[in-house]
Amino acid sequence: MSKIKPFCALRPKKELAKNVSSVPYDVLNTQEAREIAKDNPYSFLHVSRSEIDLADDVNPYSDDVYAKAKENFAKLQSDGVLQLEDKPSLYVYQLQMGEQIQTSVVACCSIDEYDNGLIKKHEKTRPDKENDRTKHMIELEAQTGLIFLCYRGTDEINALVNSVTKTEPLYNFEAEDVNKNLIRNTIWKISETNPIVTAFEKVPAIYIADGHHRAASSSRARDFLRREAIENLNDSAVCLQPEVEIQEAEYNFVIAALFPAEQLKILPYNRVVKDLNELSNEEFLAKLSGNFEITENADPSPQNRGTFSMYLGGKWFGLKPNFAAPDSVIEGLDVSVLENYVLHPVLGIEDVRTDKRIDFVGGIRGTGELEKLVDAGKWKVAFSMFATTIDDLLNVSDANEIMPPKSTWFEPKLRDGLLIHLI
């Protein structure tokens, strides 16, 4: 059973929704965020990436950054840019990128279900990113970005959602993503929530598609706020039923957009590495030849599962394993093969979550971005991946396994600042 809950959304005035909304905080760097928001005082990047309003050399994880986020968030509310709904509601949020259309239900989900594994994970998180969003939530007492969840779609939920999309939307606008692609964002308010809530009770499992760090941070923020609440419950006159009030507090729930899995599209999540582990180009290629058939002048994007494209020394090489694919649901993933046969044994990268010699480039940026990074000399080699499938994600999650970090890149992205959950 999957539990969803209506909530009182903090959301922008209709005429300012496009100005307020921003791409997710973690798909761009500080300079990109500063450039996007510089002429837009309403941009939610002033809250989600508040270092853009401080000195260029500020540490993005410093206390000043979180204090500035709190200040900017309070100003958007006091100026009436963000307004709080007076009644709990659910929402339908639809994204369209070209021909790709995907439609979600936005609701609050139980953090207990997340902690107990009923909301299924497929990735581990990075401590630095988890710490950042935990502190951000605690400082603002709000969840300001949606977790991207999916479920195996049902005819009942599809019919209910389709009926809502025939009504007048709250918001309907096009906005650019980080690569200047136009994404249509349309949000409707669900007037009658009980049928949707009941329909989700029949959904056996919900999966995190994107947003593992937000989910983990929500759980940690809940633990902190719950401990704080318990410590403040010494006066029984203030709270006659403390256990009940703590259990029903908003920090026990996390805001999310729930999509039918069959509507989603996963793009590759590519890799760049700073050096060849003290190998020359020729030595590196020779080591790879033990496990891969290597071809020159390859297509920058691999055309088949189980193959890779590699950019090195201004050339694209194709890598085709000369060994049988592993049977394991995890070990057979392309991202696992790359780790187990290239990154770990040849390039000496033991933990891709923490090693600073590797970074990840979302597929929406294209293979041209990989060429640009390597040609500029900042990175030595790039690997272009074949996209993980949604079936891979569901199968790994159902097996209670964990994919390697950065295995999936979803497009289009949900925007921050449109629907906010106060905790």
Protein backbone atom coordinates (compact mmCIF):
# COMPACT_ATOMS: atom_id res chain seq x y z
CA MET A 1 0.00 0.00 0.00
CA SER A 2 1.27 3.48 -0.90
CA LYS A 3 0.20 6.36 1.32
CA ILE A 4 -0.07 9.88 -0.09
CA LYS A 5 -1.36 12.97 1.74
CA PRO A 6 -2.69 16.37 0.67
CA PHE A 7 -0.74 19.37 1.95
CA CYS A 8 -1.01 23.16 2.18
CA ALA A 9 1.28 24.31 -0.61
CA LEU A 10 3.29 27.47 -0.47
CA ARG A 11 3.26 28.58 -4.10
CA PRO A 12 3.81 31.63 -6.32
CA LYS A 13 1.18 34.07 -7.45
CA LYS A 14 0.02 32.96 -10.88
CA GLU A 15 1.51 35.89 -12.76
CA LEU A 16 4.93 35.33 -11.15
CA ALA A 17 5.10 31.53 -11.39
CA LYS A 18 7.43 31.46 -14.39
CA ASN A 19 9.76 34.05 -12.83
CA VAL A 20 9.90 32.20 -9.51
CA SER A 21 10.38 28.70 -10.89
CA SER A 22 13.92 27.50 -11.45
CA VAL A 23 15.77 24.42 -12.61
CA PRO A 24 16.76 22.08 -9.75
CA TYR A 25 19.60 23.32 -7.58
CA ASP A 26 21.87 20.37 -8.44
CA VAL A 27 21.88 20.51 -12.25
CA LEU A 28 24.01 23.64 -12.52
CA ASN A 29 27.03 25.18 -10.86
CA THR A 30 27.21 28.45 -8.93
CA GLN A 31 28.30 30.54 -11.90
CA GLU A 32 25.51 29.17 -14.09
CA ALA A 33 22.98 29.86 -11.32
CA ARG A 34 24.30 33.39 -10.85
CA GLU A 35 24.01 34.12 -14.57
CA ILE A 36 20.44 32.78 -14.82
CA ALA A 37 19.16 34.68 -11.76
CA LYS A 38 21.08 37.96 -12.08
CA ASP A 39 18.20 39.95 -13.64
CA ASN A 40 15.39 38.10 -11.89
CA PRO A 41 14.90 38.92 -8.20
CA TYR A 42 12.05 36.38 -7.99
CA SER A 43 14.09 33.40 -9.19
CA PHE A 44 14.01 30.57 -6.67
CA LEU A 45 17.74 30.13 -7.27
CA HIS A 46 18.13 32.95 -4.72
CA VAL A 47 16.82 30.39 -2.21
CA SER A 48 18.10 27.06 -3.53
CA ARG A 49 21.55 28.41 -4.52
CA SER A 50 21.75 31.48 -2.28
CA GLU A 51 25.54 31.69 -2.57
CA ILE A 52 24.85 33.59 -5.81
CA ASP A 53 23.95 36.62 -3.67
CA LEU A 54 27.22 36.54 -1.71
CA ALA A 55 30.88 37.05 -2.60
CA ASP A 56 32.28 34.99 -5.44
CA ASP A 57 34.70 33.16 -3.15
CA VAL A 58 32.13 32.17 -0.51
CA ASN A 59 32.05 28.51 0.52
CA PRO A 60 28.66 27.23 -0.77
CA TYR A 61 28.31 25.15 2.43
CA SER A 62 29.05 28.00 4.86
CA ASP A 63 26.56 29.17 7.50
CA ASP A 64 26.25 32.50 5.68
CA VAL A 65 24.81 30.72 2.64
CA TYR A 66 22.02 29.01 4.60
CA ALA A 67 21.26 32.24 6.48
CA LYS A 68 20.98 34.06 3.15
CA ALA A 69 18.64 31.35 1.82
CA LYS A 70 16.41 31.82 4.87
CA GLU A 71 16.43 35.60 4.39
CA ASN A 72 15.58 35.37 0.69
CA PHE A 73 12.85 32.78 1.34
CA ALA A 74 11.26 34.99 4.01
CA LYS A 75 11.32 37.99 1.68
CA LEU A 76 9.50 36.13 -1.10
CA GLN A 77 6.77 35.36 1.44
CA SER A 78 6.59 38.79 3.07
CA ASP A 79 6.45 40.45 -0.38
CA GLY A 80 3.49 38.24 -1.32
CA VAL A 81 5.37 36.50 -4.13
CA LEU A 82 4.83 33.15 -2.39
CA GLN A 83 1.45 32.54 -0.78
CA LEU A 84 0.24 29.70 1.46
CA GLU A 85 -2.86 27.71 0.56
CA ASP A 86 -5.46 27.68 3.35
CA LYS A 87 -6.56 24.09 2.66
CA PRO A 88 -4.58 20.89 2.00
CA SER A 89 -4.67 19.84 -1.64
CA LEU A 90 -3.10 17.55 -4.21
CA TYR A 91 -1.85 18.69 -7.60
CA VAL A 92 -1.22 17.38 -11.10
CA TYR A 93 2.10 18.52 -12.59
CA GLN A 94 2.71 17.86 -16.29
CA LEU A 95 6.01 18.32 -18.12
CA GLN A 96 6.40 18.46 -21.89
CA MET A 97 9.71 18.51 -23.77
CA GLY A 98 9.09 18.21 -27.49
CA GLU A 99 7.00 15.09 -27.97
CA GLN A 100 7.83 13.79 -24.49
CA ILE A 101 4.87 14.30 -22.10
CA GLN A 102 4.75 12.99 -18.53
CA THR A 103 2.11 13.73 -15.91
CA SER A 104 2.45 13.34 -12.15
CA VAL A 105 0.45 13.64 -8.97
CA VAL A 106 2.14 15.96 -6.45
CA ALA A 107 1.52 14.92 -2.86
CA CYS A 108 3.25 14.31 0.43
CA CYS A 109 4.57 10.81 1.06
CA SER A 110 5.38 9.18 4.37
CA ILE A 111 9.00 9.40 5.51
CA ASP A 112 8.31 6.29 7.61
CA GLU A 113 7.60 4.43 4.35
CA TYR A 114 10.89 5.73 2.95
CA ASP A 115 12.81 4.69 6.07
CA ASN A 116 11.18 1.24 6.01
CA GLY A 117 11.98 0.61 2.35
CA LEU A 118 8.41 0.84 1.06
CA ILE A 119 9.54 3.77 -1.09
CA LYS A 120 12.30 1.94 -2.92
CA LYS A 121 15.78 3.29 -3.58
CA HIS A 122 18.31 2.34 -6.25
CA GLU A 123 21.26 4.61 -5.41
CA LYS A 124 23.42 5.53 -2.45
CA THR A 125 23.92 9.17 -1.59
CA ARG A 126 26.99 11.38 -1.25
CA PRO A 127 27.50 12.69 2.32
CA ASP A 128 28.37 16.26 1.28
CA LYS A 129 25.21 16.68 -0.80
CA GLU A 130 23.06 15.03 1.85
CA ASN A 131 24.46 17.33 4.55
CA ASP A 132 23.78 20.37 2.39
CA ARG A 133 20.09 19.71 1.75
CA THR A 134 19.49 18.58 5.34
CA LYS A 135 20.79 21.88 6.65
CA HIS A 136 18.87 23.79 3.96
CA MET A 137 15.57 22.15 5.01
CA ILE A 138 16.16 22.71 8.71
CA GLU A 139 17.13 26.35 8.22
CA LEU A 140 14.10 27.13 6.03
CA GLU A 141 11.72 24.69 7.77
CA ALA A 142 10.58 23.76 4.28
CA GLN A 143 11.08 21.23 1.51
CA THR A 144 11.57 23.44 -1.51
CA GLY A 145 12.09 20.86 -4.27
CA LEU A 146 10.08 17.86 -5.39
CA ILE A 147 11.38 14.31 -5.14
CA PHE A 148 10.87 12.54 -8.47
CA LEU A 149 9.03 9.26 -7.78
CA CYS A 150 7.53 6.67 -10.10
CA TYR A 151 5.17 3.73 -9.90
CA ARG A 152 3.79 1.14 -12.27
CA GLY A 153 0.84 3.00 -13.74
CA THR A 154 -2.78 1.96 -13.30
CA ASP A 155 -5.84 2.65 -15.42
CA GLU A 156 -7.66 4.02 -12.39
CA ILE A 157 -5.04 6.66 -11.56
CA ASN A 158 -4.55 7.52 -15.23
CA ALA A 159 -8.28 8.18 -15.63
CA LEU A 160 -8.43 10.36 -12.52
CA VAL A 161 -5.39 12.37 -13.59
CA ASN A 162 -6.68 12.79 -17.15
CA SER A 163 -9.97 14.20 -15.84
CA VAL A 164 -8.05 16.83 -13.85
CA THR A 165 -6.04 17.91 -16.91
CA LYS A 166 -9.28 18.88 -18.64
CA THR A 167 -9.86 21.65 -16.08
CA GLU A 168 -8.34 25.13 -15.92
CA PRO A 169 -4.67 24.97 -14.81
CA LEU A 170 -3.13 27.03 -12.04
CA TYR A 171 0.07 27.51 -14.05
CA ASN A 172 0.88 26.95 -17.71
CA PHE A 173 4.14 28.30 -19.09
CA GLU A 174 7.27 27.41 -21.04
CA ALA A 175 10.68 27.84 -19.47
CA GLU A 176 14.22 26.99 -20.50
CA ASP A 177 16.26 24.18 -18.98
CA VAL A 178 20.03 24.42 -18.54
CA ASN A 179 20.56 23.69 -22.24
CA LYS A 180 18.00 26.25 -23.45
CA ASN A 181 15.43 23.57 -24.30
CA LEU A 182 11.89 24.84 -23.84
CA ILE A 183 9.92 22.82 -21.29
CA ARG A 184 6.18 23.35 -20.83
CA ASN A 185 5.17 23.25 -17.18
CA THR A 186 1.45 22.88 -16.38
CA ILE A 187 0.00 22.46 -12.90
CA TRP A 188 -3.60 21.78 -11.91
CA LYS A 189 -5.15 21.71 -8.45
CA ILE A 190 -7.11 18.56 -7.58
CA SER A 191 -10.40 19.64 -6.05
CA GLU A 192 -11.48 16.21 -4.81
CA THR A 193 -8.52 14.39 -3.27
CA ASN A 194 -10.11 11.26 -1.76
CA PRO A 195 -10.36 9.24 -5.02
CA ILE A 196 -6.66 9.79 -5.80
CA VAL A 197 -5.59 8.98 -2.25
CA THR A 198 -7.67 5.78 -2.33
CA ALA A 199 -6.33 4.79 -5.76
CA PHE A 200 -2.74 5.06 -4.56
CA GLU A 201 -3.51 2.78 -1.64
CA LYS A 202 -3.71 0.00 -4.25
CA VAL A 203 -0.25 0.76 -5.66
CA PRO A 204 2.10 -1.91 -4.25
CA ALA A 205 5.34 0.06 -4.48
CA ILE A 206 6.75 3.49 -5.20
CA TYR A 207 10.27 4.02 -6.53
CA ILE A 208 12.69 6.95 -6.34
CA ALA A 209 13.53 7.89 -9.90
CA ASP A 210 15.49 11.05 -9.10
CA GLY A 211 16.06 12.82 -5.80
CA HIS A 212 17.79 10.31 -3.54
CA HIS A 213 19.65 13.13 -1.78
CA ARG A 214 16.46 15.10 -1.16
CA ALA A 215 14.75 12.00 0.20
CA ALA A 216 17.62 11.10 2.53
CA SER A 217 17.91 14.71 3.64
CA SER A 218 14.18 14.87 4.39
CA SER A 219 14.54 11.85 6.66
CA ARG A 220 17.49 13.38 8.48
CA ALA A 221 15.74 16.74 8.82
CA ARG A 222 12.68 14.95 10.23
CA ASP A 223 14.83 13.22 12.85
CA PHE A 224 16.35 16.54 13.90
CA LEU A 225 13.03 18.39 14.07
CA ARG A 226 11.36 15.52 15.93
CA ARG A 227 14.11 15.49 18.58
CA GLU A 228 13.78 19.24 18.88
CA ALA A 229 10.01 18.95 19.31
CA ILE A 230 10.34 16.29 22.00
CA GLU A 231 12.80 18.45 23.92
CA ASN A 232 10.32 21.33 23.83
CA LEU A 233 7.40 19.29 25.18
CA ASN A 234 8.06 19.84 28.85
CA ASP A 235 5.00 22.04 29.29
CA SER A 236 1.92 19.78 29.12
CA ALA A 237 -0.33 22.83 29.01
CA VAL A 238 1.11 23.63 25.61
CA CYS A 239 0.64 20.14 24.20
CA LEU A 240 -1.85 17.75 25.81
CA GLN A 241 -1.21 14.92 23.33
CA PRO A 242 2.45 15.28 22.41
CA GLU A 243 2.91 11.85 20.83
CA VAL A 244 -0.05 12.36 18.49
CA GLU A 245 1.01 15.86 17.50
CA ILE A 246 4.59 14.80 16.81
CA GLN A 247 3.45 11.82 14.72
CA GLU A 248 1.16 13.99 12.60
CA ALA A 249 3.63 16.88 12.20
CA GLU A 250 4.37 17.95 8.64
CA TYR A 251 8.05 17.04 8.94
CA ASN A 252 6.98 13.37 8.91
CA PHE A 253 6.07 13.73 5.23
CA VAL A 254 8.02 14.69 2.14
CA ILE A 255 6.76 16.41 -0.99
CA ALA A 256 7.06 14.44 -4.22
CA ALA A 257 5.81 14.16 -7.79
CA LEU A 258 4.65 10.63 -8.63
CA PHE A 259 4.82 9.61 -12.31
CA PRO A 260 3.69 6.44 -14.08
CA ALA A 261 6.93 4.68 -14.95
CA GLU A 262 5.88 4.00 -18.54
CA GLN A 263 5.79 7.75 -19.27
CA LEU A 264 9.39 8.40 -18.24
CA LYS A 265 12.49 8.80 -20.36
CA ILE A 266 16.01 8.15 -19.08
CA LEU A 267 19.02 9.74 -20.75
CA PRO A 268 22.64 8.56 -20.37
CA TYR A 269 24.68 9.72 -17.39
CA ASN A 270 28.19 10.10 -18.77
CA ARG A 271 31.57 10.10 -17.00
CA VAL A 272 34.75 12.18 -17.17
CA VAL A 273 38.05 11.32 -15.45
CA LYS A 274 40.88 13.72 -14.65
CA ASP A 275 43.86 11.44 -15.43
CA LEU A 276 44.85 7.98 -16.66
CA ASN A 277 46.33 6.78 -13.37
CA GLU A 278 49.89 7.56 -14.51
CA LEU A 279 49.40 5.70 -17.81
CA SER A 280 50.11 7.14 -21.26
CA ASN A 281 47.33 7.05 -23.83
CA GLU A 282 48.96 4.07 -25.49
CA GLU A 283 49.42 2.17 -22.21
CA PHE A 284 45.82 2.88 -21.23
CA LEU A 285 44.48 1.57 -24.54
CA ALA A 286 46.68 -1.50 -24.25
CA LYS A 287 45.28 -2.30 -20.82
CA LEU A 288 41.71 -1.86 -22.07
CA SER A 289 42.34 -4.20 -25.00
CA GLY A 290 42.50 -7.12 -22.59
CA ASN A 291 38.74 -6.87 -21.96
CA PHE A 292 37.43 -4.81 -24.87
CA GLU A 293 37.46 -4.77 -28.62
CA ILE A 294 38.53 -1.20 -29.43
CA THR A 295 37.59 0.63 -32.63
CA GLU A 296 38.59 4.13 -33.74
CA ASN A 297 36.34 6.87 -35.18
CA ALA A 298 33.36 5.52 -33.22
CA ASP A 299 29.96 7.16 -32.91
CA PRO A 300 30.09 9.50 -29.87
CA SER A 301 26.89 7.86 -28.58
CA PRO A 302 26.89 4.05 -28.22
CA GLN A 303 24.10 2.50 -30.25
CA ASN A 304 23.64 -0.70 -28.25
CA ARG A 305 23.45 -1.78 -24.65
CA GLY A 306 26.71 -3.24 -23.42
CA THR A 307 28.93 -0.95 -25.52
CA PHE A 308 30.69 2.31 -24.69
CA SER A 309 32.11 5.31 -26.51
CA MET A 310 35.31 6.86 -25.14
CA TYR A 311 36.80 10.27 -25.97
CA LEU A 312 40.57 10.36 -25.59
CA GLY A 313 43.24 12.46 -27.27
CA GLY A 314 40.74 14.19 -29.56
CA LYS A 315 39.30 10.89 -30.88
CA TRP A 316 36.24 8.78 -30.22
CA PHE A 317 36.85 5.10 -29.58
CA GLY A 318 34.28 2.32 -29.38
CA LEU A 319 34.57 -0.22 -26.56
CA LYS A 320 32.85 -3.58 -26.94
CA PRO A 321 33.40 -6.14 -24.15
CA ASN A 322 34.99 -9.39 -25.29
CA PHE A 323 33.60 -11.26 -22.28
CA ALA A 324 30.14 -12.60 -21.51
CA ALA A 325 27.78 -10.15 -19.80
CA PRO A 326 27.39 -10.87 -16.06
CA ASP A 327 24.09 -12.52 -15.09
CA SER A 328 23.52 -10.36 -11.99
CA VAL A 329 20.89 -7.62 -12.28
CA ILE A 330 23.48 -5.18 -10.90
CA GLU A 331 26.73 -6.46 -12.41
CA GLY A 332 25.13 -6.60 -15.86
CA LEU A 333 24.38 -2.87 -15.93
CA ASP A 334 26.58 -0.87 -18.28
CA VAL A 335 27.55 1.50 -15.46
CA SER A 336 28.69 -1.53 -13.42
CA VAL A 337 30.69 -2.99 -16.29
CA LEU A 338 32.47 0.33 -16.77
CA GLU A 339 33.30 0.50 -13.06
CA ASN A 340 34.39 -3.13 -12.70
CA TYR A 341 36.49 -3.37 -15.85
CA VAL A 342 37.76 0.20 -16.41
CA LEU A 343 37.32 2.67 -13.56
CA HIS A 344 38.41 0.43 -10.67
CA PRO A 345 41.13 -1.85 -12.11
CA VAL A 346 42.66 0.43 -14.74
CA LEU A 347 42.04 4.01 -13.58
CA GLY A 348 42.29 3.27 -9.85
CA ILE A 349 38.99 4.87 -8.86
CA GLU A 350 37.84 2.91 -5.81
CA ASP A 351 34.70 4.85 -4.83
CA VAL A 352 32.98 6.89 -7.53
CA ARG A 353 30.83 8.59 -4.89
CA THR A 354 33.78 10.29 -3.20
CA ASP A 355 36.74 10.24 -5.59
CA LYS A 356 37.39 13.77 -6.89
CA ARG A 357 39.09 12.39 -10.02
CA ILE A 358 35.73 11.49 -11.56
CA ASP A 359 32.68 13.57 -12.37
CA PHE A 360 29.34 12.98 -14.06
CA VAL A 361 27.74 14.79 -17.00
CA GLY A 362 24.01 14.52 -17.65
CA GLY A 363 23.07 13.24 -21.08
CA ILE A 364 20.98 16.32 -21.82
CA ARG A 365 24.26 18.22 -22.23
CA GLY A 366 25.21 15.98 -25.15
CA THR A 367 28.49 14.40 -26.20
CA GLY A 368 29.74 17.79 -27.34
CA GLU A 369 30.04 18.74 -23.67
CA LEU A 370 32.33 15.74 -23.13
CA GLU A 371 34.56 16.81 -26.01
CA LYS A 372 34.64 20.36 -24.65
CA LEU A 373 35.70 19.25 -21.17
CA VAL A 374 38.47 16.94 -22.42
CA ASP A 375 39.74 19.33 -25.11
CA ALA A 376 40.00 22.11 -22.51
CA GLY A 377 42.46 19.97 -20.56
CA LYS A 378 40.46 19.83 -17.33
CA TRP A 379 39.63 16.15 -17.88
CA LYS A 380 41.70 13.49 -19.60
CA VAL A 381 39.10 10.97 -20.79
CA ALA A 382 35.32 10.82 -21.16
CA PHE A 383 32.95 7.87 -21.39
CA SER A 384 29.64 8.16 -23.25
CA MET A 385 27.09 5.66 -21.93
CA PHE A 386 24.06 3.83 -23.30
CA ALA A 387 21.08 4.89 -21.19
CA THR A 388 19.88 2.73 -18.31
CA THR A 389 16.24 1.71 -18.84
CA ILE A 390 13.27 2.24 -16.56
CA ASP A 391 12.92 -1.55 -16.34
CA ASP A 392 16.50 -1.71 -15.04
CA LEU A 393 15.60 0.79 -12.33
CA LEU A 394 12.46 -1.07 -11.25
CA ASN A 395 14.15 -4.47 -11.30
CA VAL A 396 17.12 -3.28 -9.26
CA SER A 397 14.83 -1.60 -6.73
CA ASP A 398 12.59 -4.66 -6.46
CA ALA A 399 15.66 -6.79 -5.77
CA ASN A 400 16.65 -4.37 -2.96
CA GLU A 401 19.90 -3.75 -4.79
CA ILE A 402 21.79 -0.49 -5.29
CA MET A 403 22.91 0.84 -8.65
CA PRO A 404 26.27 2.55 -8.99
CA PRO A 405 26.00 6.32 -8.41
CA LYS A 406 24.70 8.47 -11.24
CA SER A 407 23.22 5.62 -13.24
CA THR A 408 20.18 7.54 -14.50
CA TRP A 409 19.47 11.02 -15.84
CA PHE A 410 15.82 11.95 -16.21
CA GLU A 411 14.52 14.63 -18.53
CA PRO A 412 12.62 16.86 -18.40
CA LYS A 413 13.28 18.10 -14.87
CA LEU A 414 10.73 19.29 -12.32
CA ARG A 415 11.20 22.94 -11.43
CA ASP A 416 11.87 24.21 -7.93
CA GLY A 417 9.76 26.86 -6.24
CA LEU A 418 6.34 26.07 -7.71
CA LEU A 419 5.03 23.84 -4.91
CA ILE A 420 6.69 24.06 -1.49
CA HIS A 421 5.97 22.05 1.66
CA LEU A 422 6.43 23.82 5.00
CA ILE A 423 7.65 21.58 7.81
